[in-house]
Protein backbone atom coordinates (compact mmCIF):
# COMPACT_ATOMS: atom_id res chain seq x y z
CA MET A 1 -28.62 -1.76 -23.13
CA VAL A 2 -29.96 0.39 -20.16
CA LYS A 3 -30.54 -2.86 -18.18
CA SER A 4 -26.94 -3.96 -18.95
CA VAL A 5 -25.45 -0.68 -17.78
CA ALA A 6 -27.50 -0.68 -14.69
CA GLY A 7 -26.63 -4.22 -13.88
CA PHE A 8 -22.92 -3.47 -14.30
CA LEU A 9 -23.03 -0.37 -12.14
CA PHE A 10 -24.93 -2.35 -9.48
CA LEU A 11 -22.25 -5.11 -9.51
CA MET A 12 -19.49 -2.53 -9.34
CA ALA A 13 -21.10 -0.83 -6.24
CA ALA A 14 -21.84 -4.21 -4.54
CA CYS A 15 -18.42 -5.93 -5.15
CA PRO A 16 -15.44 -4.97 -3.07
CA LEU A 17 -12.47 -3.95 -5.22
CA SER A 18 -9.81 -4.75 -2.54
CA PHE A 19 -9.10 -6.98 0.42
CA ALA A 20 -7.72 -4.98 3.31
CA GLU A 21 -7.71 -5.72 6.90
CA GLU A 22 -9.43 -2.97 9.03
CA ILE A 23 -6.98 -2.05 11.75
CA GLY A 24 -8.96 0.68 13.51
CA GLU A 25 -10.75 4.06 13.19
CA VAL A 26 -11.41 7.44 15.03
CA ASP A 27 -14.40 9.65 14.73
CA THR A 28 -13.63 13.10 13.45
CA LYS A 29 -17.19 14.59 13.48
CA PHE A 30 -20.42 13.85 15.36
CA LYS A 31 -23.39 13.26 13.22
CA LEU A 32 -26.78 13.18 14.79
CA LEU A 33 -28.32 10.94 12.15
CA GLY A 34 -26.24 8.13 10.77
CA PRO A 35 -22.60 7.26 11.52
CA ASP A 36 -19.97 9.90 12.48
CA HIS A 37 -17.37 10.95 10.01
CA LYS A 38 -14.17 8.86 10.60
CA ILE A 39 -10.59 8.21 9.71
CA LYS A 40 -10.09 4.53 9.03
CA ILE A 41 -6.86 2.66 8.99
CA GLU A 42 -6.51 -0.46 6.89
CA ALA A 43 -3.65 -2.91 6.15
CA PHE A 44 -2.85 -4.79 2.90
CA ASP A 45 0.07 -7.00 1.81
CA ASP A 46 1.60 -6.56 -1.72
CA ALA A 47 0.57 -9.70 -3.58
CA LYS A 48 3.64 -9.66 -5.81
CA VAL A 49 6.23 -8.70 -3.27
CA SER A 50 6.19 -10.92 -0.21
CA GLY A 51 7.63 -9.27 2.85
CA VAL A 52 5.99 -5.76 2.16
CA SER A 53 2.87 -4.53 4.09
CA CYS A 54 1.27 -1.18 3.70
CA HIS A 55 -1.01 0.70 5.95
CA VAL A 56 -3.60 3.24 4.46
CA SER A 57 -5.44 5.94 6.43
CA ARG A 58 -8.48 7.28 4.66
CA ALA A 59 -11.42 9.68 5.49
CA VAL A 60 -14.80 8.13 5.56
CA THR A 61 -18.03 10.26 5.27
CA GLY A 62 -20.72 9.52 7.70
CA GLY A 63 -24.36 10.78 8.14
CA LEU A 64 -27.33 9.32 6.38
CA LYS A 65 -25.76 9.09 2.95
CA GLY A 66 -22.59 7.45 4.46
CA ALA A 67 -24.87 4.91 6.13
CA VAL A 68 -26.45 3.62 3.01
CA GLY A 69 -23.22 3.99 0.89
CA LEU A 70 -24.29 7.06 -1.14
CA ALA A 71 -21.78 9.49 0.25
CA GLU A 72 -18.70 10.35 -1.64
CA ASP A 73 -15.55 10.20 0.56
CA THR A 74 -12.97 12.94 0.23
CA SER A 75 -9.67 12.22 -1.61
CA ASP A 76 -7.66 12.56 1.66
CA ALA A 77 -5.43 9.41 2.26
CA SER A 78 -1.97 8.67 3.55
CA ILE A 79 0.10 5.52 3.22
CA ALA A 80 3.00 3.90 5.01
CA CYS A 81 4.65 0.72 3.65
CA ARG A 82 7.39 -1.25 5.47
CA GLN A 83 9.55 -4.37 5.05
CA VAL A 84 7.95 -7.00 7.44
CA GLY A 85 10.05 -9.98 6.30
CA PRO A 86 12.46 -11.11 3.57
CA ILE A 87 11.42 -9.37 0.43
CA VAL A 88 10.81 -11.84 -2.39
CA ILE A 89 9.52 -10.76 -5.69
CA ASN A 90 7.08 -13.32 -6.88
CA GLU A 91 6.37 -12.03 -10.40
CA PRO A 92 7.84 -9.40 -12.77
CA LEU A 93 6.81 -5.93 -11.60
CA GLU A 94 5.22 -3.34 -13.87
CA SER A 95 5.88 0.39 -13.37
CA GLY A 96 2.72 2.03 -12.01
CA GLU A 97 1.05 -1.31 -11.28
CA GLN A 98 -2.09 -1.13 -9.16
CA VAL A 99 -1.66 -3.07 -5.97
CA PHE A 100 -4.79 -1.90 -4.01
CA SER A 101 -8.02 -0.27 -4.96
CA GLU A 102 -11.17 0.72 -3.05
CA ARG A 103 -14.28 2.56 -3.87
CA ARG A 104 -14.82 6.08 -2.52
CA SER A 105 -18.33 6.65 -3.91
CA LEU A 106 -21.23 4.62 -5.22
CA VAL A 107 -19.54 4.12 -8.63
CA PHE A 108 -17.28 6.72 -10.03
CA LYS A 109 -14.43 7.35 -7.48
CA ARG A 110 -11.72 4.99 -6.35
CA LEU A 111 -8.67 5.18 -3.98
CA GLN A 112 -5.92 3.52 -5.59
CA VAL A 113 -2.32 2.33 -4.56
CA VAL A 114 0.18 1.90 -7.36
CA ARG A 115 3.76 0.55 -7.04
CA PHE A 116 6.84 1.86 -8.80
CA CYS A 117 10.43 0.67 -8.56
CA ASP A 118 13.41 3.10 -8.30
CA GLU A 119 16.06 0.83 -9.82
CA THR A 120 18.96 3.30 -9.00
CA ARG A 121 18.19 3.24 -5.34
CA ASN A 122 16.84 -0.41 -5.22
CA THR A 123 13.57 0.93 -3.59
CA LEU A 124 9.91 0.15 -4.02
CA ILE A 125 7.72 3.22 -4.08
CA TYR A 126 3.91 3.10 -3.22
CA LEU A 127 1.66 6.01 -4.23
CA VAL A 128 -1.80 6.52 -2.93
CA TYR A 129 -4.30 8.77 -4.75
CA SER A 130 -7.96 9.14 -5.51
CA ASP A 131 -9.35 9.22 -9.16
CA LYS A 132 -12.76 9.95 -10.55
CA ILE A 133 -14.06 9.31 -14.01
CA ILE A 134 -14.45 13.02 -14.75
CA GLU A 135 -11.94 14.64 -12.54
CA GLY A 136 -9.33 13.18 -10.16
CA SER A 137 -7.63 14.82 -7.20
CA PRO A 138 -4.00 15.87 -6.87
CA LYS A 139 -4.01 14.87 -3.20
CA ASN A 140 -1.60 12.06 -2.82
CA SER A 141 0.89 10.50 -0.46
CA ILE A 142 3.96 8.09 -1.05
CA SER A 143 5.87 5.53 0.90
CA SER A 144 9.31 4.06 0.08
CA VAL A 145 10.68 0.60 1.00
CA PRO A 146 14.22 0.03 0.43
CA ILE A 147 14.96 -3.58 -0.68
CA LYS A 148 17.44 -4.84 1.94
CA PRO A 149 18.37 -8.22 3.15
CA TRP A 150 16.16 -9.36 6.10
CA SER A 151 18.86 -11.52 7.30
CA SER A 152 22.47 -12.31 6.05
CA GLU A 153 21.05 -13.16 2.40
CA ALA A 154 21.65 -10.79 -0.26
CA PRO A 155 18.75 -8.48 -1.12
CA ALA A 156 16.64 -8.76 -4.33
CA ARG A 157 17.67 -6.01 -6.85
CA CYS A 158 14.99 -4.01 -8.99
CA ARG A 159 16.95 -4.37 -12.10
CA ASP A 160 16.93 -8.22 -11.73
CA ILE A 161 13.19 -8.39 -11.45
CA ASN A 162 11.96 -6.05 -14.29
CA SER A 163 12.89 -8.51 -17.02
């Protein structure tokens, strides 16, 4: 049993939970040993909603623990999502559905992005937050993407896609 749990934890730590493109980073604090503390910017596309891309900025802990992957990153993150082409909803959307996830510590903490749909305003809302098995963080950020026509075609409607 202990070997099974240890193997699972190793796989969880070794396997990436998300596929984001790294856009850039800035140093925020010099560390004599190991990498500096940073803010990283990554981009990802919503797999179920073509035409929407999001950019997430997040704090990354450096130092010796950060170099070997043992540091727990802070819960600080920000998100900006925009329409980058015609919005096409490829599958039915679930309220609060996870669209992006990334580990923030060796095993127990994750940065997550979830999507909601405001049917009244025909708008997609993306929420970024950090959770932890024992205690999460109230730090969060949102971004809204109104569903509008990219050209002369009529826009998709939230109420049409949640069935």
